[in-house]
Amino acid sequence: MSIEAFHFILFALAVFRITHLIIYDKITEFIRRVFIEFEEEVDEDGSLETFLIIADKGWKKWMGELFSCHWCMGIWVSFFLWGGHSLLPNVFSIVIFVFAAAGIASILDSIVLKWL
């Protein structure tokens, strides 16, 4: 199996962006809420802190752990993209390319926000 560095970087950026979408982005919060409860508290200095509460047992615990860990989710997203690309290369090439571009955009946005 030979993979070019450019394709690997595209793949890695797509995995990064999809994982971030699933774990952190507001738009997918409705999915996470099935497995994770969010509790907000105001601390002594008035800052709002959010705590994740994961189920104690069963499949909801497993899924809650998965949906709260970007390292874990990244592995599963990698498997999904790799398998999808193996089965439907034309479709998944587009998915990988689009999410890689979105990944670069999010990294650049973070850099620009730090400078401002």
N, C-alpha and C. Protein backbone atom coordinates (compact mmCIF):
# COMPACT_ATOMS: atom_id res chain seq x y z
N MET A 1 0.85 -1.18 0.00
CA MET A 1 0.00 0.00 0.00
C MET A 1 0.89 1.23 0.00
N SER A 2 0.68 2.08 -0.96
CA SER A 2 1.44 3.31 -1.07
C SER A 2 0.48 4.49 -0.98
N ILE A 3 0.82 5.42 -0.11
CA ILE A 3 -0.03 6.60 0.04
C ILE A 3 0.87 7.84 -0.04
N GLU A 4 0.47 8.77 -0.82
CA GLU A 4 1.24 9.99 -0.97
C GLU A 4 1.02 10.90 0.24
N ALA A 5 2.04 11.70 0.55
CA ALA A 5 1.97 12.60 1.70
C ALA A 5 0.80 13.57 1.57
N PHE A 6 0.56 14.07 0.38
CA PHE A 6 -0.55 15.02 0.16
C PHE A 6 -1.88 14.38 0.52
N HIS A 7 -2.11 13.14 0.07
CA HIS A 7 -3.37 12.47 0.37
C HIS A 7 -3.51 12.17 1.86
N PHE A 8 -2.39 11.83 2.49
CA PHE A 8 -2.44 11.59 3.93
C PHE A 8 -2.79 12.87 4.69
N ILE A 9 -2.22 13.99 4.29
CA ILE A 9 -2.51 15.27 4.94
C ILE A 9 -3.98 15.64 4.74
N LEU A 10 -4.50 15.44 3.53
CA LEU A 10 -5.93 15.69 3.29
C LEU A 10 -6.78 14.81 4.20
N PHE A 11 -6.43 13.54 4.27
CA PHE A 11 -7.17 12.59 5.11
C PHE A 11 -7.12 13.03 6.58
N ALA A 12 -5.93 13.39 7.06
CA ALA A 12 -5.77 13.80 8.46
C ALA A 12 -6.57 15.07 8.76
N LEU A 13 -6.56 16.02 7.85
CA LEU A 13 -7.34 17.24 8.05
C LEU A 13 -8.84 16.95 8.07
N ALA A 14 -9.28 16.05 7.22
CA ALA A 14 -10.70 15.67 7.21
C ALA A 14 -11.08 14.99 8.52
N VAL A 15 -10.24 14.09 9.00
CA VAL A 15 -10.50 13.42 10.28
C VAL A 15 -10.56 14.45 11.40
N PHE A 16 -9.62 15.39 11.40
CA PHE A 16 -9.61 16.46 12.40
C PHE A 16 -10.93 17.23 12.39
N ARG A 17 -11.36 17.66 11.22
CA ARG A 17 -12.56 18.51 11.13
C ARG A 17 -13.82 17.75 11.50
N ILE A 18 -13.96 16.53 11.00
CA ILE A 18 -15.16 15.74 11.33
C ILE A 18 -15.20 15.43 12.82
N THR A 19 -14.06 15.07 13.39
CA THR A 19 -14.00 14.78 14.83
C THR A 19 -14.39 16.02 15.63
N HIS A 20 -13.86 17.16 15.24
CA HIS A 20 -14.20 18.40 15.95
C HIS A 20 -15.70 18.70 15.80
N LEU A 21 -16.23 18.48 14.62
CA LEU A 21 -17.66 18.69 14.38
C LEU A 21 -18.50 17.84 15.33
N ILE A 22 -18.14 16.59 15.48
CA ILE A 22 -18.91 15.67 16.31
C ILE A 22 -18.75 15.98 17.80
N ILE A 23 -17.53 16.27 18.24
CA ILE A 23 -17.24 16.41 19.66
C ILE A 23 -17.55 17.81 20.21
N TYR A 24 -17.29 18.84 19.44
CA TYR A 24 -17.33 20.19 20.01
C TYR A 24 -18.37 21.15 19.41
N ASP A 25 -18.70 21.02 18.16
CA ASP A 25 -19.52 22.04 17.50
C ASP A 25 -20.97 22.03 17.99
N LYS A 26 -21.52 23.22 18.09
CA LYS A 26 -22.88 23.42 18.59
C LYS A 26 -23.92 22.68 17.74
N ILE A 27 -23.68 22.62 16.44
CA ILE A 27 -24.67 22.05 15.52
C ILE A 27 -24.93 20.55 15.78
N THR A 28 -23.97 19.85 16.39
CA THR A 28 -24.15 18.42 16.67
C THR A 28 -24.41 18.15 18.15
N GLU A 29 -24.70 19.19 18.90
CA GLU A 29 -24.95 19.02 20.33
C GLU A 29 -26.14 18.10 20.59
N PHE A 30 -27.14 18.13 19.72
CA PHE A 30 -28.33 17.28 19.90
C PHE A 30 -27.95 15.80 19.89
N ILE A 31 -26.90 15.43 19.18
CA ILE A 31 -26.44 14.04 19.17
C ILE A 31 -25.76 13.71 20.50
N ARG A 32 -24.88 14.60 20.96
CA ARG A 32 -24.15 14.37 22.21
C ARG A 32 -25.09 14.30 23.40
N ARG A 33 -26.17 15.09 23.37
CA ARG A 33 -27.11 15.13 24.51
C ARG A 33 -27.79 13.79 24.76
N VAL A 34 -27.81 12.90 23.79
CA VAL A 34 -28.38 11.57 23.99
C VAL A 34 -27.53 10.77 24.96
N PHE A 35 -26.22 11.02 24.97
CA PHE A 35 -25.27 10.21 25.75
C PHE A 35 -24.62 10.97 26.90
N ILE A 36 -24.67 12.30 26.84
CA ILE A 36 -23.98 13.12 27.83
C ILE A 36 -24.93 14.21 28.32
N GLU A 37 -24.95 14.41 29.64
CA GLU A 37 -25.67 15.54 30.21
C GLU A 37 -24.67 16.65 30.48
N PHE A 38 -25.11 17.88 30.28
CA PHE A 38 -24.26 19.04 30.53
C PHE A 38 -24.82 19.80 31.72
N GLU A 39 -23.98 20.00 32.72
CA GLU A 39 -24.39 20.74 33.91
C GLU A 39 -23.54 22.00 34.00
N GLU A 40 -24.20 23.14 34.13
CA GLU A 40 -23.49 24.41 34.22
C GLU A 40 -23.56 24.95 35.64
N GLU A 41 -22.42 25.46 36.11
CA GLU A 41 -22.34 26.07 37.43
C GLU A 41 -21.55 27.36 37.33
N VAL A 42 -21.90 28.31 38.16
CA VAL A 42 -21.16 29.56 38.25
C VAL A 42 -20.17 29.43 39.40
N ASP A 43 -18.88 29.66 39.11
CA ASP A 43 -17.89 29.54 40.17
C ASP A 43 -17.76 30.85 40.95
N GLU A 44 -16.81 30.90 41.89
CA GLU A 44 -16.68 32.03 42.81
C GLU A 44 -16.44 33.37 42.11
N ASP A 45 -15.71 33.34 40.98
CA ASP A 45 -15.42 34.61 40.30
C ASP A 45 -16.46 34.96 39.24
N GLY A 46 -17.56 34.23 39.20
CA GLY A 46 -18.65 34.53 38.29
C GLY A 46 -18.55 33.88 36.92
N SER A 47 -17.53 33.08 36.71
CA SER A 47 -17.36 32.38 35.43
C SER A 47 -18.29 31.17 35.36
N LEU A 48 -18.81 30.94 34.19
CA LEU A 48 -19.69 29.80 33.97
C LEU A 48 -18.85 28.59 33.58
N GLU A 49 -18.99 27.50 34.32
CA GLU A 49 -18.28 26.26 34.01
C GLU A 49 -19.29 25.20 33.61
N THR A 50 -18.93 24.42 32.60
CA THR A 50 -19.79 23.34 32.14
C THR A 50 -19.13 22.01 32.47
N PHE A 51 -19.90 21.12 33.08
CA PHE A 51 -19.42 19.79 33.44
C PHE A 51 -20.17 18.75 32.61
N LEU A 52 -19.44 17.74 32.16
CA LEU A 52 -20.05 16.64 31.43
C LEU A 52 -20.39 15.53 32.41
N ILE A 53 -21.60 15.01 32.29
CA ILE A 53 -22.01 13.88 33.13
C ILE A 53 -22.35 12.74 32.19
N ILE A 54 -21.56 11.68 32.31
CA ILE A 54 -21.71 10.51 31.44
C ILE A 54 -22.41 9.42 32.23
N ALA A 55 -23.24 8.64 31.57
CA ALA A 55 -23.97 7.54 32.21
C ALA A 55 -23.00 6.61 32.94
N ASP A 56 -23.50 5.92 33.97
CA ASP A 56 -22.66 5.06 34.79
C ASP A 56 -22.36 3.70 34.18
N LYS A 57 -23.25 3.21 33.32
CA LYS A 57 -23.04 1.85 32.80
C LYS A 57 -23.74 1.66 31.46
N GLY A 58 -23.43 0.55 30.84
CA GLY A 58 -24.10 0.16 29.60
C GLY A 58 -23.57 0.88 28.37
N TRP A 59 -24.33 0.73 27.30
CA TRP A 59 -23.91 1.28 26.01
C TRP A 59 -23.90 2.80 26.01
N LYS A 60 -24.77 3.42 26.85
CA LYS A 60 -24.76 4.88 26.93
C LYS A 60 -23.47 5.39 27.56
N LYS A 61 -22.92 4.63 28.49
CA LYS A 61 -21.63 5.00 29.07
C LYS A 61 -20.55 4.93 28.00
N TRP A 62 -20.54 3.84 27.23
CA TRP A 62 -19.54 3.67 26.17
C TRP A 62 -19.65 4.80 25.15
N MET A 63 -20.86 5.09 24.72
CA MET A 63 -21.06 6.15 23.74
C MET A 63 -20.74 7.52 24.34
N GLY A 64 -21.09 7.72 25.61
CA GLY A 64 -20.76 8.98 26.27
C GLY A 64 -19.26 9.20 26.35
N GLU A 65 -18.53 8.14 26.66
CA GLU A 65 -17.07 8.23 26.68
C GLU A 65 -16.54 8.55 25.29
N LEU A 66 -17.10 7.90 24.28
CA LEU A 66 -16.67 8.13 22.90
C LEU A 66 -16.94 9.56 22.47
N PHE A 67 -18.12 10.07 22.77
CA PHE A 67 -18.51 11.42 22.34
C PHE A 67 -17.90 12.52 23.19
N SER A 68 -17.13 12.16 24.20
CA SER A 68 -16.45 13.17 25.01
C SER A 68 -14.93 13.09 24.86
N CYS A 69 -14.45 12.24 23.95
CA CYS A 69 -13.00 12.04 23.79
C CYS A 69 -12.61 12.21 22.33
N HIS A 70 -11.91 13.31 22.02
CA HIS A 70 -11.55 13.52 20.61
C HIS A 70 -10.53 12.51 20.13
N TRP A 71 -9.71 11.98 21.01
CA TRP A 71 -8.75 10.94 20.60
C TRP A 71 -9.50 9.68 20.16
N CYS A 72 -10.47 9.27 20.95
CA CYS A 72 -11.25 8.06 20.65
C CYS A 72 -12.08 8.23 19.38
N MET A 73 -12.77 9.35 19.31
CA MET A 73 -13.63 9.60 18.15
C MET A 73 -12.79 9.72 16.88
N GLY A 74 -11.60 10.29 16.99
CA GLY A 74 -10.72 10.41 15.83
C GLY A 74 -10.36 9.06 15.23
N ILE A 75 -10.18 8.06 16.05
CA ILE A 75 -9.87 6.72 15.55
C ILE A 75 -11.07 6.19 14.76
N TRP A 76 -12.27 6.32 15.32
CA TRP A 76 -13.45 5.80 14.65
C TRP A 76 -13.77 6.58 13.37
N VAL A 77 -13.57 7.87 13.38
CA VAL A 77 -13.77 8.67 12.17
C VAL A 77 -12.77 8.24 11.10
N SER A 78 -11.53 7.97 11.51
CA SER A 78 -10.52 7.49 10.56
C SER A 78 -10.95 6.18 9.91
N PHE A 79 -11.41 5.24 10.73
CA PHE A 79 -11.90 3.97 10.18
C PHE A 79 -13.06 4.19 9.22
N PHE A 80 -13.99 5.06 9.59
CA PHE A 80 -15.14 5.34 8.75
C PHE A 80 -14.71 5.92 7.40
N LEU A 81 -13.85 6.93 7.44
CA LEU A 81 -13.40 7.54 6.19
C LEU A 81 -12.59 6.57 5.34
N TRP A 82 -11.72 5.82 5.98
CA TRP A 82 -10.91 4.86 5.22
C TRP A 82 -11.79 3.79 4.59
N GLY A 83 -12.72 3.24 5.35
CA GLY A 83 -13.63 2.24 4.82
C GLY A 83 -14.51 2.80 3.73
N GLY A 84 -15.04 3.99 3.95
CA GLY A 84 -15.87 4.63 2.93
C GLY A 84 -15.10 4.90 1.66
N HIS A 85 -13.86 5.35 1.80
CA HIS A 85 -13.03 5.62 0.63
C HIS A 85 -12.68 4.33 -0.10
N SER A 86 -12.53 3.25 0.62
CA SER A 86 -12.24 1.95 0.00
C SER A 86 -13.43 1.44 -0.80
N LEU A 87 -14.63 1.66 -0.27
CA LEU A 87 -15.85 1.16 -0.93
C LEU A 87 -16.39 2.11 -1.99
N LEU A 88 -16.38 3.40 -1.71
CA LEU A 88 -16.94 4.41 -2.62
C LEU A 88 -15.92 5.55 -2.79
N PRO A 89 -14.84 5.30 -3.51
CA PRO A 89 -13.77 6.31 -3.60
C PRO A 89 -14.21 7.64 -4.20
N ASN A 90 -15.10 7.63 -5.18
CA ASN A 90 -15.53 8.89 -5.79
C ASN A 90 -16.30 9.76 -4.82
N VAL A 91 -17.17 9.14 -4.04
CA VAL A 91 -17.97 9.89 -3.07
C VAL A 91 -17.10 10.37 -1.91
N PHE A 92 -16.31 9.47 -1.35
CA PHE A 92 -15.54 9.82 -0.16
C PHE A 92 -14.35 10.72 -0.48
N SER A 93 -13.88 10.73 -1.70
CA SER A 93 -12.83 11.69 -2.08
C SER A 93 -13.37 13.11 -1.94
N ILE A 94 -14.61 13.29 -2.35
CA ILE A 94 -15.24 14.61 -2.22
C ILE A 94 -15.44 14.97 -0.74
N VAL A 95 -15.93 14.01 0.04
CA VAL A 95 -16.14 14.25 1.47
C VAL A 95 -14.82 14.61 2.13
N ILE A 96 -13.78 13.85 1.86
CA ILE A 96 -12.47 14.11 2.45
C ILE A 96 -11.95 15.48 2.03
N PHE A 97 -12.07 15.81 0.76
CA PHE A 97 -11.59 17.09 0.27
C PHE A 97 -12.33 18.25 0.92
N VAL A 98 -13.64 18.17 1.01
CA VAL A 98 -14.45 19.24 1.60
C VAL A 98 -14.11 19.43 3.08
N PHE A 99 -14.04 18.33 3.83
CA PHE A 99 -13.74 18.45 5.25
C PHE A 99 -12.29 18.86 5.50
N ALA A 100 -11.38 18.47 4.61
CA ALA A 100 -9.98 18.93 4.73
C ALA A 100 -9.91 20.43 4.54
N ALA A 101 -10.62 20.94 3.56
CA ALA A 101 -10.66 22.40 3.33
C ALA A 101 -11.27 23.10 4.55
N ALA A 102 -12.33 22.53 5.10
CA ALA A 102 -12.95 23.11 6.30
C ALA A 102 -12.00 23.05 7.49
N GLY A 103 -11.20 21.99 7.56
CA GLY A 103 -10.21 21.87 8.63
C GLY A 103 -9.16 22.95 8.54
N ILE A 104 -8.66 23.20 7.34
CA ILE A 104 -7.68 24.27 7.14
C ILE A 104 -8.30 25.62 7.49
N ALA A 105 -9.54 25.82 7.06
CA ALA A 105 -10.22 27.08 7.37
C ALA A 105 -10.36 27.28 8.88
N SER A 106 -10.68 26.23 9.61
CA SER A 106 -10.84 26.37 11.06
C SER A 106 -9.50 26.64 11.74
N ILE A 107 -8.44 26.01 11.25
CA ILE A 107 -7.11 26.26 11.81
C ILE A 107 -6.70 27.71 11.54
N LEU A 108 -6.91 28.18 10.31
CA LEU A 108 -6.57 29.57 9.98
C LEU A 108 -7.40 30.55 10.80
N ASP A 109 -8.67 30.24 11.00
CA ASP A 109 -9.54 31.10 11.81
C ASP A 109 -9.01 31.20 13.24
N SER A 110 -8.59 30.08 13.80
CA SER A 110 -8.04 30.10 15.16
C SER A 110 -6.77 30.94 15.23
N ILE A 111 -5.93 30.84 14.23
CA ILE A 111 -4.70 31.63 14.19
C ILE A 111 -5.02 33.11 14.08
N VAL A 112 -5.93 33.48 13.21
CA VAL A 112 -6.30 34.88 13.03
C VAL A 112 -6.92 35.43 14.31
N LEU A 113 -7.77 34.67 14.96
CA LEU A 113 -8.40 35.13 16.21
C LEU A 113 -7.37 35.35 17.32
N LYS A 114 -6.32 34.56 17.34
CA LYS A 114 -5.25 34.75 18.34
C LYS A 114 -4.51 36.05 18.09
N TRP A 115 -4.33 36.42 16.82
CA TRP A 115 -3.61 37.63 16.47
C TRP A 115 -4.41 38.89 16.73
N LEU A 116 -5.73 38.79 16.67
CA LEU A 116 -6.57 39.99 16.84
C LEU A 116 -6.76 40.35 18.26
